[in-house]
Amino acid sequence: MVKFRLIDVIDGFYYYEIYPEGDVVNRGGVVFNPETNELKKRTNPEAPYDDDKWIGHAISGMKNKDGTLKKSGMVAWY
């Protein structure tokens, strides 16, 4: 399970924090522009969560059904 939260939107770039297993201490982050698909920054969470899967799973759950981006959310898998 991974939680995410929108921190800010600056010049079209969305700044999200990523919390693996809901752990705010070992957070990661991603900054991207959804209009241009430009990735500005990607920071994997600290160990033991230092794996690309956390950010990938979070990004997969960021969009609402209408295509807008969520302010916060959670993605779970098994």
C-alpha atoms as a PDB file:
ATOM      1  CA  MET A   1       0.000   0.000   0.000  1.00  0.00           C
ATOM      2  CA  VAL A   2       1.209   3.487  -0.806  1.00  0.00           C
ATOM      3  CA  LYS A   3      -0.300   6.855   0.057  1.00  0.00           C
ATOM      4  CA  PHE A   4       0.334  10.092  -1.812  1.00  0.00           C
ATOM      5  CA  ARG A   5      -0.354  13.773  -1.232  1.00  0.00           C
ATOM      6  CA  LEU A   6      -0.193  16.793  -3.509  1.00  0.00           C
ATOM      7  CA  ILE A   7       2.108  19.365  -1.960  1.00  0.00           C
ATOM      8  CA  ASP A   8       1.991  22.132  -4.565  1.00  0.00           C
ATOM      9  CA  VAL A   9       1.436  23.040  -8.200  1.00  0.00           C
ATOM     10  CA  ILE A  10       3.971  25.478  -9.649  1.00  0.00           C
ATOM     11  CA  ASP A  11       4.088  26.492 -13.314  1.00  0.00           C
ATOM     12  CA  GLY A  12       2.139  23.388 -14.339  1.00  0.00           C
ATOM     13  CA  PHE A  13       4.338  20.986 -12.334  1.00  0.00           C
ATOM     14  CA  TYR A  14       2.655  18.871  -9.675  1.00  0.00           C
ATOM     15  CA  TYR A  15       4.690  18.167  -6.537  1.00  0.00           C
ATOM     16  CA  TYR A  16       3.640  14.951  -4.786  1.00  0.00           C
ATOM     17  CA  GLU A  17       4.982  13.229  -1.691  1.00  0.00           C
ATOM     18  CA  ILE A  18       4.809   9.427  -1.644  1.00  0.00           C
ATOM     19  CA  TYR A  19       4.408   7.463   1.610  1.00  0.00           C
ATOM     20  CA  PRO A  20       5.124   3.710   1.314  1.00  0.00           C
ATOM     21  CA  GLU A  21       2.968   1.753   3.769  1.00  0.00           C
ATOM     22  CA  GLY A  22       1.746   5.175   4.967  1.00  0.00           C
ATOM     23  CA  ASP A  23       5.192   5.859   6.490  1.00  0.00           C
ATOM     24  CA  VAL A  24       5.727   9.639   6.461  1.00  0.00           C
ATOM     25  CA  VAL A  25       9.315   9.297   7.725  1.00  0.00           C
ATOM     26  CA  ASN A  26      10.555   7.296   4.707  1.00  0.00           C
ATOM     27  CA  ARG A  27       8.784   9.329   2.061  1.00  0.00           C
ATOM     28  CA  GLY A  28       9.670   9.773  -1.560  1.00  0.00           C
ATOM     29  CA  GLY A  29       8.483  12.248  -4.130  1.00  0.00           C
ATOM     30  CA  VAL A  30       7.753  12.999  -7.724  1.00  0.00           C
ATOM     31  CA  VAL A  31       7.450  16.263  -9.657  1.00  0.00           C
ATOM     32  CA  PHE A  32       5.905  16.162 -13.115  1.00  0.00           C
ATOM     33  CA  ASN A  33       3.848  18.113 -15.618  1.00  0.00           C
ATOM     34  CA  PRO A  34       0.784  16.092 -16.647  1.00  0.00           C
ATOM     35  CA  GLU A  35       0.192  18.221 -19.756  1.00  0.00           C
ATOM     36  CA  THR A  36       3.643  17.683 -21.267  1.00  0.00           C
ATOM     37  CA  ASN A  37       4.459  14.369 -19.493  1.00  0.00           C
ATOM     38  CA  GLU A  38       7.737  15.938 -18.367  1.00  0.00           C
ATOM     39  CA  LEU A  39       9.284  14.377 -15.275  1.00  0.00           C
ATOM     40  CA  LYS A  40      11.248  17.001 -13.358  1.00  0.00           C
ATOM     41  CA  LYS A  41      12.274  15.018 -10.281  1.00  0.00           C
ATOM     42  CA  ARG A  42      11.822  11.532  -8.851  1.00  0.00           C
ATOM     43  CA  THR A  43      13.029  10.641  -5.368  1.00  0.00           C
ATOM     44  CA  ASN A  44      12.621   7.069  -4.184  1.00  0.00           C
ATOM     45  CA  PRO A  45      11.729   6.572  -0.513  1.00  0.00           C
ATOM     46  CA  GLU A  46      14.463   5.648   1.951  1.00  0.00           C
ATOM     47  CA  ALA A  47      15.374   2.007   2.687  1.00  0.00           C
ATOM     48  CA  PRO A  48      13.728  -0.414   3.090  1.00  0.00           C
ATOM     49  CA  TYR A  49      11.317   1.207   0.629  1.00  0.00           C
ATOM     50  CA  ASP A  50      13.966   2.307  -1.899  1.00  0.00           C
ATOM     51  CA  ASP A  51      12.297   0.578  -4.820  1.00  0.00           C
ATOM     52  CA  ASP A  52      10.757   2.093  -7.963  1.00  0.00           C
ATOM     53  CA  LYS A  53       7.476   0.254  -7.377  1.00  0.00           C
ATOM     54  CA  TRP A  54       6.261   2.752  -4.764  1.00  0.00           C
ATOM     55  CA  ILE A  55       6.294   5.764  -7.069  1.00  0.00           C
ATOM     56  CA  GLY A  56       4.949   3.731  -9.980  1.00  0.00           C
ATOM     57  CA  HIS A  57       2.009   2.458  -7.959  1.00  0.00           C
ATOM     58  CA  ALA A  58       1.284   5.926  -6.581  1.00  0.00           C
ATOM     59  CA  ILE A  59       1.282   7.506 -10.048  1.00  0.00           C
ATOM     60  CA  SER A  60      -1.104   4.822 -11.291  1.00  0.00           C
ATOM     61  CA  GLY A  61      -3.703   5.969  -8.748  1.00  0.00           C
ATOM     62  CA  MET A  62      -3.359   9.739  -9.017  1.00  0.00           C
ATOM     63  CA  LYS A  63      -5.988  10.367 -11.693  1.00  0.00           C
ATOM     64  CA  ASN A  64      -9.704  10.761 -11.047  1.00  0.00           C
ATOM     65  CA  LYS A  65     -12.171   9.213 -13.485  1.00  0.00           C
ATOM     66  CA  ASP A  66     -12.590  12.608 -15.166  1.00  0.00           C
ATOM     67  CA  GLY A  67      -8.829  12.850 -15.799  1.00  0.00           C
ATOM     68  CA  THR A  68      -8.040  15.446 -13.130  1.00  0.00           C
ATOM     69  CA  LEU A  69      -5.352  14.708 -10.568  1.00  0.00           C
ATOM     70  CA  LYS A  70      -6.210  13.852  -6.975  1.00  0.00           C
ATOM     71  CA  LYS A  71      -5.006  15.934  -4.039  1.00  0.00           C
ATOM     72  CA  SER A  72      -4.355  12.778  -2.022  1.00  0.00           C
ATOM     73  CA  GLY A  73      -5.060   9.075  -2.130  1.00  0.00           C
ATOM     74  CA  MET A  74      -3.983   5.537  -1.572  1.00  0.00           C
ATOM     75  CA  VAL A  75      -3.182   2.606  -3.842  1.00  0.00           C
ATOM     76  CA  ALA A  76      -3.192  -0.959  -2.536  1.00  0.00           C
ATOM     77  CA  TRP A  77      -2.208  -4.192  -4.279  1.00  0.00           C
ATOM     78  CA  TYR A  78      -1.433  -7.753  -3.356  1.00  0.00           C
END
